[in-house]
Structure formats: C-alpha cells, structure tokens
Amino acid sequence: MKPGKFFHNFFGHLHTINTHKLEVMKNCFRVGLYKQGLLHDLSKYSFSEFIPGVKYYQDGNRSPNNARRPRARLGFSSPA
C-alpha cells in the first residue's frame, strides 16, 4: 500500500471509529449506561483490529470487515 493511501486510510478509519464511539457514548449516557458507553468497542483500537481496518477501509461508508470476508454465493445455480 502506498504511503499516501495508508495515511488516508489510517486517519479515515480512526475518524470513523471515533465518530461511532462518540455516538454510542452519547446514547448510552442518555439512558444511564455510563460504563458501557465508555468501554464500548475499545478493542477496535488494538493493533490486531485497527491495522486490518486500515487496510480494508472503505471511506467510512461501509464496514471494513465486509471487504475482508469472502463473498458467499447466494441462490441456486442452474443445472448444466
């Protein structure tokens, strides 16, 4: 991966995680779930989850996990 793309993906993925975490915190705090709000998705910042997220970052529109998964064929194949 080129350095420019890596930095774009790195900061884009970090922004996506932070935005999601802040929204979850806001909603958890609203209903009194303070501990869950603070601890939600801390594993997303770990090296083992963050770097694959950067590698498969999709401009914040979709989950990078979807890009990592192989696509399953849905439906039936027609008989030959």
PDB file of N, CA and C in Angstrom:
ATOM      1  N   MET A   1       0.852  -1.172   0.000  1.00  0.00           N
ATOM      2  CA  MET A   1       0.000   0.000   0.000  1.00  0.00           C
ATOM      3  C   MET A   1       0.898   1.235   0.000  1.00  0.00           C
ATOM      4  N   LYS A   2       0.577   2.184  -0.851  1.00  0.00           N
ATOM      5  CA  LYS A   2       1.364   3.411  -0.945  1.00  0.00           C
ATOM      6  C   LYS A   2       1.203   4.236   0.332  1.00  0.00           C
ATOM      7  N   PRO A   3       2.265   4.988   0.699  1.00  0.00           N
ATOM      8  CA  PRO A   3       2.209   5.768   1.947  1.00  0.00           C
ATOM      9  C   PRO A   3       1.028   6.749   1.992  1.00  0.00           C
ATOM     10  N   GLY A   4       0.731   7.419   0.891  1.00  0.00           N
ATOM     11  CA  GLY A   4      -0.373   8.375   0.874  1.00  0.00           C
ATOM     12  C   GLY A   4      -1.709   7.709   1.140  1.00  0.00           C
ATOM     13  N   LYS A   5      -1.914   6.554   0.518  1.00  0.00           N
ATOM     14  CA  LYS A   5      -3.153   5.819   0.726  1.00  0.00           C
ATOM     15  C   LYS A   5      -3.219   5.287   2.154  1.00  0.00           C
ATOM     16  N   PHE A   6      -2.087   4.832   2.681  1.00  0.00           N
ATOM     17  CA  PHE A   6      -2.063   4.335   4.054  1.00  0.00           C
ATOM     18  C   PHE A   6      -2.485   5.422   5.032  1.00  0.00           C
ATOM     19  N   PHE A   7      -1.922   6.627   4.895  1.00  0.00           N
ATOM     20  CA  PHE A   7      -2.267   7.709   5.816  1.00  0.00           C
ATOM     21  C   PHE A   7      -3.724   8.127   5.654  1.00  0.00           C
ATOM     22  N   HIS A   8      -4.211   8.163   4.423  1.00  0.00           N
ATOM     23  CA  HIS A   8      -5.626   8.470   4.189  1.00  0.00           C
ATOM     24  C   HIS A   8      -6.507   7.440   4.889  1.00  0.00           C
ATOM     25  N   ASN A   9      -6.200   6.163   4.691  1.00  0.00           N
ATOM     26  CA  ASN A   9      -6.980   5.094   5.314  1.00  0.00           C
ATOM     27  C   ASN A   9      -6.838   5.103   6.836  1.00  0.00           C
ATOM     28  N   PHE A  10      -5.626   5.359   7.322  1.00  0.00           N
ATOM     29  CA  PHE A  10      -5.372   5.367   8.765  1.00  0.00           C
ATOM     30  C   PHE A  10      -6.247   6.414   9.457  1.00  0.00           C
ATOM     31  N   PHE A  11      -6.161   7.645   8.975  1.00  0.00           N
ATOM     32  CA  PHE A  11      -6.907   8.712   9.637  1.00  0.00           C
ATOM     33  C   PHE A  11      -8.406   8.626   9.342  1.00  0.00           C
ATOM     34  N   GLY A  12      -8.767   8.135   8.180  1.00  0.00           N
ATOM     35  CA  GLY A  12     -10.181   7.944   7.879  1.00  0.00           C
ATOM     36  C   GLY A  12     -10.803   6.891   8.776  1.00  0.00           C
ATOM     37  N   HIS A  13     -10.097   5.769   8.953  1.00  0.00           N
ATOM     38  CA  HIS A  13     -10.605   4.701   9.813  1.00  0.00           C
ATOM     39  C   HIS A  13     -10.663   5.167  11.267  1.00  0.00           C
ATOM     40  N   LEU A  14      -9.647   5.887  11.710  1.00  0.00           N
ATOM     41  CA  LEU A  14      -9.636   6.426  13.069  1.00  0.00           C
ATOM     42  C   LEU A  14     -10.822   7.369  13.275  1.00  0.00           C
ATOM     43  N   HIS A  15     -11.084   8.215  12.305  1.00  0.00           N
ATOM     44  CA  HIS A  15     -12.226   9.132  12.395  1.00  0.00           C
ATOM     45  C   HIS A  15     -13.550   8.359  12.479  1.00  0.00           C
ATOM     46  N   THR A  16     -13.685   7.314  11.667  1.00  0.00           N
ATOM     47  CA  THR A  16     -14.905   6.508  11.676  1.00  0.00           C
ATOM     48  C   THR A  16     -15.116   5.850  13.037  1.00  0.00           C
ATOM     49  N   ILE A  17     -14.054   5.274  13.597  1.00  0.00           N
ATOM     50  CA  ILE A  17     -14.155   4.622  14.902  1.00  0.00           C
ATOM     51  C   ILE A  17     -14.519   5.647  15.982  1.00  0.00           C
ATOM     52  N   ASN A  18     -13.847   6.796  15.967  1.00  0.00           N
ATOM     53  CA  ASN A  18     -14.106   7.824  16.981  1.00  0.00           C
ATOM     54  C   ASN A  18     -15.533   8.360  16.878  1.00  0.00           C
ATOM     55  N   THR A  19     -16.007   8.588  15.663  1.00  0.00           N
ATOM     56  CA  THR A  19     -17.370   9.084  15.470  1.00  0.00           C
ATOM     57  C   THR A  19     -18.385   8.078  15.991  1.00  0.00           C
ATOM     58  N   HIS A  20     -18.175   6.810  15.650  1.00  0.00           N
ATOM     59  CA  HIS A  20     -19.077   5.762  16.119  1.00  0.00           C
ATOM     60  C   HIS A  20     -19.056   5.686  17.647  1.00  0.00           C
ATOM     61  N   LYS A  21     -17.861   5.707  18.216  1.00  0.00           N
ATOM     62  CA  LYS A  21     -17.740   5.603  19.676  1.00  0.00           C
ATOM     63  C   LYS A  21     -18.434   6.776  20.369  1.00  0.00           C
ATOM     64  N   LEU A  22     -18.291   7.969  19.854  1.00  0.00           N
ATOM     65  CA  LEU A  22     -18.940   9.135  20.460  1.00  0.00           C
ATOM     66  C   LEU A  22     -20.460   9.042  20.376  1.00  0.00           C
ATOM     67  N   GLU A  23     -20.988   8.551  19.254  1.00  0.00           N
ATOM     68  CA  GLU A  23     -22.442   8.371  19.129  1.00  0.00           C
ATOM     69  C   GLU A  23     -22.954   7.333  20.127  1.00  0.00           C
ATOM     70  N   VAL A  24     -22.219   6.231  20.268  1.00  0.00           N
ATOM     71  CA  VAL A  24     -22.619   5.201  21.224  1.00  0.00           C
ATOM     72  C   VAL A  24     -22.552   5.752  22.644  1.00  0.00           C
ATOM     73  N   MET A  25     -21.479   6.489  22.964  1.00  0.00           N
ATOM     74  CA  MET A  25     -21.354   7.081  24.303  1.00  0.00           C
ATOM     75  C   MET A  25     -22.512   8.026  24.594  1.00  0.00           C
ATOM     76  N   LYS A  26     -22.839   8.867  23.631  1.00  0.00           N
ATOM     77  CA  LYS A  26     -23.929   9.820  23.822  1.00  0.00           C
ATOM     78  C   LYS A  26     -25.237   9.100  24.133  1.00  0.00           C
ATOM     79  N   ASN A  27     -25.530   8.044  23.371  1.00  0.00           N
ATOM     80  CA  ASN A  27     -26.773   7.312  23.587  1.00  0.00           C
ATOM     81  C   ASN A  27     -26.756   6.495  24.876  1.00  0.00           C
ATOM     82  N   CYS A  28     -25.610   5.910  25.222  1.00  0.00           N
ATOM     83  CA  CYS A  28     -25.505   5.161  26.477  1.00  0.00           C
ATOM     84  C   CYS A  28     -25.647   6.095  27.668  1.00  0.00           C
ATOM     85  N   PHE A  29     -25.000   7.247  27.624  1.00  0.00           N
ATOM     86  CA  PHE A  29     -25.090   8.204  28.728  1.00  0.00           C
ATOM     87  C   PHE A  29     -26.524   8.696  28.893  1.00  0.00           C
ATOM     88  N   ARG A  30     -27.221   8.846  27.781  1.00  0.00           N
ATOM     89  CA  ARG A  30     -28.605   9.322  27.834  1.00  0.00           C
ATOM     90  C   ARG A  30     -29.491   8.396  28.667  1.00  0.00           C
ATOM     91  N   VAL A  31     -29.213   7.079  28.607  1.00  0.00           N
ATOM     92  CA  VAL A  31     -30.043   6.113  29.345  1.00  0.00           C
ATOM     93  C   VAL A  31     -29.352   5.598  30.608  1.00  0.00           C
ATOM     94  N   GLY A  32     -28.213   6.200  30.980  1.00  0.00           N
ATOM     95  CA  GLY A  32     -27.563   5.861  32.234  1.00  0.00           C
ATOM     96  C   GLY A  32     -26.585   4.700  32.178  1.00  0.00           C
ATOM     97  N   LEU A  33     -26.184   4.268  30.994  1.00  0.00           N
ATOM     98  CA  LEU A  33     -25.224   3.165  30.864  1.00  0.00           C
ATOM     99  C   LEU A  33     -23.812   3.736  30.685  1.00  0.00           C
ATOM    100  N   TYR A  34     -23.284   4.331  31.744  1.00  0.00           N
ATOM    101  CA  TYR A  34     -22.017   5.050  31.649  1.00  0.00           C
ATOM    102  C   TYR A  34     -20.830   4.132  31.363  1.00  0.00           C
ATOM    103  N   LYS A  35     -20.755   3.023  32.091  1.00  0.00           N
ATOM    104  CA  LYS A  35     -19.618   2.105  31.908  1.00  0.00           C
ATOM    105  C   LYS A  35     -19.616   1.520  30.499  1.00  0.00           C
ATOM    106  N   GLN A  36     -20.783   1.081  30.016  1.00  0.00           N
ATOM    107  CA  GLN A  36     -20.865   0.507  28.669  1.00  0.00           C
ATOM    108  C   GLN A  36     -20.499   1.551  27.626  1.00  0.00           C
ATOM    109  N   GLY A  37     -20.923   2.782  27.845  1.00  0.00           N
ATOM    110  CA  GLY A  37     -20.608   3.851  26.905  1.00  0.00           C
ATOM    111  C   GLY A  37     -19.124   4.115  26.806  1.00  0.00           C
ATOM    112  N   LEU A  38     -18.438   4.074  27.950  1.00  0.00           N
ATOM    113  CA  LEU A  38     -17.000   4.330  27.955  1.00  0.00           C
ATOM    114  C   LEU A  38     -16.192   3.162  27.395  1.00  0.00           C
ATOM    115  N   LEU A  39     -16.642   1.938  27.645  1.00  0.00           N
ATOM    116  CA  LEU A  39     -15.851   0.763  27.275  1.00  0.00           C
ATOM    117  C   LEU A  39     -16.223   0.170  25.916  1.00  0.00           C
ATOM    118  N   HIS A  40     -17.270   0.696  25.288  1.00  0.00           N
ATOM    119  CA  HIS A  40     -17.743   0.127  24.025  1.00  0.00           C
ATOM    120  C   HIS A  40     -16.659   0.163  22.950  1.00  0.00           C
ATOM    121  N   ASP A  41     -16.414  -0.973  22.338  1.00  0.00           N
ATOM    122  CA  ASP A  41     -15.517  -1.110  21.176  1.00  0.00           C
ATOM    123  C   ASP A  41     -14.085  -0.629  21.400  1.00  0.00           C
ATOM    124  N   LEU A  42     -13.564  -0.732  22.609  1.00  0.00           N
ATOM    125  CA  LEU A  42     -12.168  -0.353  22.825  1.00  0.00           C
ATOM    126  C   LEU A  42     -11.223  -1.267  22.052  1.00  0.00           C
ATOM    127  N   SER A  43     -11.667  -2.493  21.772  1.00  0.00           N
ATOM    128  CA  SER A  43     -10.815  -3.422  21.027  1.00  0.00           C
ATOM    129  C   SER A  43     -10.552  -2.936  19.604  1.00  0.00           C
ATOM    130  N   LYS A  44     -11.388  -2.048  19.091  1.00  0.00           N
ATOM    131  CA  LYS A  44     -11.180  -1.515  17.732  1.00  0.00           C
ATOM    132  C   LYS A  44      -9.885  -0.727  17.635  1.00  0.00           C
ATOM    133  N   TYR A  45      -9.354  -0.262  18.772  1.00  0.00           N
ATOM    134  CA  TYR A  45      -8.102   0.484  18.785  1.00  0.00           C
ATOM    135  C   TYR A  45      -6.887  -0.429  18.932  1.00  0.00           C
ATOM    136  N   SER A  46      -7.095  -1.724  19.154  1.00  0.00           N
ATOM    137  CA  SER A  46      -5.964  -2.646  19.288  1.00  0.00           C
ATOM    138  C   SER A  46      -5.305  -2.847  17.929  1.00  0.00           C
ATOM    139  N   PHE A  47      -4.034  -3.165  17.954  1.00  0.00           N
ATOM    140  CA  PHE A  47      -3.273  -3.342  16.715  1.00  0.00           C
ATOM    141  C   PHE A  47      -3.895  -4.410  15.825  1.00  0.00           C
ATOM    142  N   SER A  48      -4.331  -5.515  16.440  1.00  0.00           N
ATOM    143  CA  SER A  48      -4.839  -6.646  15.659  1.00  0.00           C
ATOM    144  C   SER A  48      -6.158  -6.333  14.954  1.00  0.00           C
ATOM    145  N   GLU A  49      -6.919  -5.364  15.436  1.00  0.00           N
ATOM    146  CA  GLU A  49      -8.164  -4.983  14.759  1.00  0.00           C
ATOM    147  C   GLU A  49      -8.018  -3.695  13.958  1.00  0.00           C
ATOM    148  N   PHE A  50      -7.158  -2.795  14.422  1.00  0.00           N
ATOM    149  CA  PHE A  50      -7.053  -1.492  13.769  1.00  0.00           C
ATOM    150  C   PHE A  50      -6.361  -1.579  12.412  1.00  0.00           C
ATOM    151  N   ILE A  51      -5.249  -2.305  12.335  1.00  0.00           N
ATOM    152  CA  ILE A  51      -4.486  -2.358  11.077  1.00  0.00           C
ATOM    153  C   ILE A  51      -5.282  -3.035   9.959  1.00  0.00           C
ATOM    154  N   PRO A  52      -5.962  -4.169  10.191  1.00  0.00           N
ATOM    155  CA  PRO A  52      -6.818  -4.698   9.117  1.00  0.00           C
ATOM    156  C   PRO A  52      -7.931  -3.727   8.733  1.00  0.00           C
ATOM    157  N   GLY A  53      -8.436  -2.973   9.700  1.00  0.00           N
ATOM    158  CA  GLY A  53      -9.439  -1.960   9.391  1.00  0.00           C
ATOM    159  C   GLY A  53      -8.894  -0.878   8.479  1.00  0.00           C
ATOM    160  N   VAL A  54      -7.636  -0.500   8.697  1.00  0.00           N
ATOM    161  CA  VAL A  54      -6.984   0.486   7.830  1.00  0.00           C
ATOM    162  C   VAL A  54      -6.787  -0.105   6.435  1.00  0.00           C
ATOM    163  N   LYS A  55      -6.351  -1.343   6.398  1.00  0.00           N
ATOM    164  CA  LYS A  55      -6.078  -1.987   5.105  1.00  0.00           C
ATOM    165  C   LYS A  55      -7.334  -2.070   4.242  1.00  0.00           C
ATOM    166  N   TYR A  56      -8.467  -2.368   4.854  1.00  0.00           N
ATOM    167  CA  TYR A  56      -9.707  -2.556   4.106  1.00  0.00           C
ATOM    168  C   TYR A  56     -10.674  -1.385   4.251  1.00  0.00           C
ATOM    169  N   TYR A  57     -10.181  -0.226   4.670  1.00  0.00           N
ATOM    170  CA  TYR A  57     -11.021   0.958   4.863  1.00  0.00           C
ATOM    171  C   TYR A  57     -11.743   1.320   3.566  1.00  0.00           C
ATOM    172  N   GLN A  58     -13.035   1.669   3.682  1.00  0.00           N
ATOM    173  CA  GLN A  58     -13.862   1.963   2.502  1.00  0.00           C
ATOM    174  C   GLN A  58     -14.510   3.330   2.629  1.00  0.00           C
ATOM    175  N   ASP A  59     -13.713   4.353   2.911  1.00  0.00           N
ATOM    176  CA  ASP A  59     -14.158   5.748   3.017  1.00  0.00           C
ATOM    177  C   ASP A  59     -15.277   5.970   4.016  1.00  0.00           C
ATOM    178  N   GLY A  60     -15.382   5.126   5.027  1.00  0.00           N
ATOM    179  CA  GLY A  60     -16.334   5.330   6.100  1.00  0.00           C
ATOM    180  C   GLY A  60     -17.777   5.008   5.755  1.00  0.00           C
ATOM    181  N   ASN A  61     -18.012   4.523   4.535  1.00  0.00           N
ATOM    182  CA  ASN A  61     -19.386   4.223   4.110  1.00  0.00           C
ATOM    183  C   ASN A  61     -19.825   2.819   4.483  1.00  0.00           C
ATOM    184  N   ARG A  62     -18.868   1.906   4.549  1.00  0.00           N
ATOM    185  CA  ARG A  62     -19.172   0.506   4.843  1.00  0.00           C
ATOM    186  C   ARG A  62     -18.147  -0.031   5.821  1.00  0.00           C
ATOM    187  N   SER A  63     -18.487  -1.134   6.444  1.00  0.00           N
ATOM    188  CA  SER A  63     -17.570  -1.744   7.387  1.00  0.00           C
ATOM    189  C   SER A  63     -16.392  -2.373   6.646  1.00  0.00           C
ATOM    190  N   PRO A  64     -15.159  -2.141   7.137  1.00  0.00           N
ATOM    191  CA  PRO A  64     -14.009  -2.805   6.520  1.00  0.00           C
ATOM    192  C   PRO A  64     -14.083  -4.317   6.679  1.00  0.00           C
ATOM    193  N   ASN A  65     -14.834  -4.787   7.676  1.00  0.00           N
ATOM    194  CA  ASN A  65     -14.974  -6.226   7.869  1.00  0.00           C
ATOM    195  C   ASN A  65     -15.691  -6.879   6.698  1.00  0.00           C
ATOM    196  N   ASN A  66     -16.595  -6.158   6.066  1.00  0.00           N
ATOM    197  CA  ASN A  66     -17.292  -6.714   4.908  1.00  0.00           C
ATOM    198  C   ASN A  66     -16.343  -6.944   3.741  1.00  0.00           C
ATOM    199  N   ALA A  67     -15.343  -6.099   3.582  1.00  0.00           N
ATOM    200  CA  ALA A  67     -14.380  -6.259   2.492  1.00  0.00           C
ATOM    201  C   ALA A  67     -13.447  -7.434   2.758  1.00  0.00           C
ATOM    202  N   ARG A  68     -13.216  -7.767   4.015  1.00  0.00           N
ATOM    203  CA  ARG A  68     -12.317  -8.869   4.368  1.00  0.00           C
ATOM    204  C   ARG A  68     -12.962 -10.221   4.150  1.00  0.00           C
ATOM    205  N   ARG A  69     -14.283 -10.285   4.301  1.00  0.00           N
ATOM    206  CA  ARG A  69     -14.972 -11.570   4.207  1.00  0.00           C
ATOM    207  C   ARG A  69     -15.115 -12.001   2.762  1.00  0.00           C
ATOM    208  N   PRO A  70     -14.914 -13.269   2.501  1.00  0.00           N
ATOM    209  CA  PRO A  70     -15.179 -13.748   1.137  1.00  0.00           C
ATOM    210  C   PRO A  70     -16.677 -13.709   0.867  1.00  0.00           C
ATOM    211  N   ARG A  71     -17.032 -13.403  -0.349  1.00  0.00           N
ATOM    212  CA  ARG A  71     -18.448 -13.320  -0.696  1.00  0.00           C
ATOM    213  C   ARG A  71     -19.009 -14.713  -0.910  1.00  0.00           C
ATOM    214  N   ALA A  72     -20.134 -14.954  -0.266  1.00  0.00           N
ATOM    215  CA  ALA A  72     -20.810 -16.241  -0.437  1.00  0.00           C
ATOM    216  C   ALA A  72     -21.774 -16.118  -1.607  1.00  0.00           C
ATOM    217  N   ARG A  73     -21.881 -17.173  -2.354  1.00  0.00           N
ATOM    218  CA  ARG A  73     -22.845 -17.176  -3.457  1.00  0.00           C
ATOM    219  C   ARG A  73     -24.214 -17.483  -2.880  1.00  0.00           C
ATOM    220  N   LEU A  74     -25.146 -16.629  -3.167  1.00  0.00           N
ATOM    221  CA  LEU A  74     -26.494 -16.819  -2.687  1.00  0.00           C
ATOM    222  C   LEU A  74     -27.366 -17.297  -3.831  1.00  0.00           C
ATOM    223  N   GLY A  75     -28.327 -18.093  -3.504  1.00  0.00           N
ATOM    224  CA  GLY A  75     -29.248 -18.574  -4.545  1.00  0.00           C
ATOM    225  C   GLY A  75     -28.799 -19.929  -5.062  1.00  0.00           C
ATOM    226  N   PHE A  76     -29.540 -20.395  -5.993  1.00  0.00           N
ATOM    227  CA  PHE A  76     -29.285 -21.716  -6.548  1.00  0.00           C
ATOM    228  C   PHE A  76     -28.622 -21.580  -7.902  1.00  0.00           C
ATOM    229  N   SER A  77     -27.745 -22.502  -8.210  1.00  0.00           N
ATOM    230  CA  SER A  77     -27.135 -22.492  -9.535  1.00  0.00           C
ATOM    231  C   SER A  77     -28.041 -23.286 -10.479  1.00  0.00           C
ATOM    232  N   SER A  78     -28.066 -22.856 -11.701  1.00  0.00           N
ATOM    233  CA  SER A  78     -28.922 -23.536 -12.674  1.00  0.00           C
ATOM    234  C   SER A  78     -28.272 -24.851 -13.085  1.00  0.00           C
ATOM    235  N   PRO A  79     -29.067 -25.872 -13.354  1.00  0.00           N
ATOM    236  CA  PRO A  79     -28.483 -27.151 -13.753  1.00  0.00           C
ATOM    237  C   PRO A  79     -27.807 -27.043 -15.107  1.00  0.00           C
ATOM    238  N   ALA A  80     -26.734 -27.791 -15.259  1.00  0.00           N
ATOM    239  CA  ALA A  80     -25.953 -27.715 -16.502  1.00  0.00           C
ATOM    240  C   ALA A  80     -26.537 -28.543 -17.609  1.00  0.00           C
TER     241      ALA A  80
END
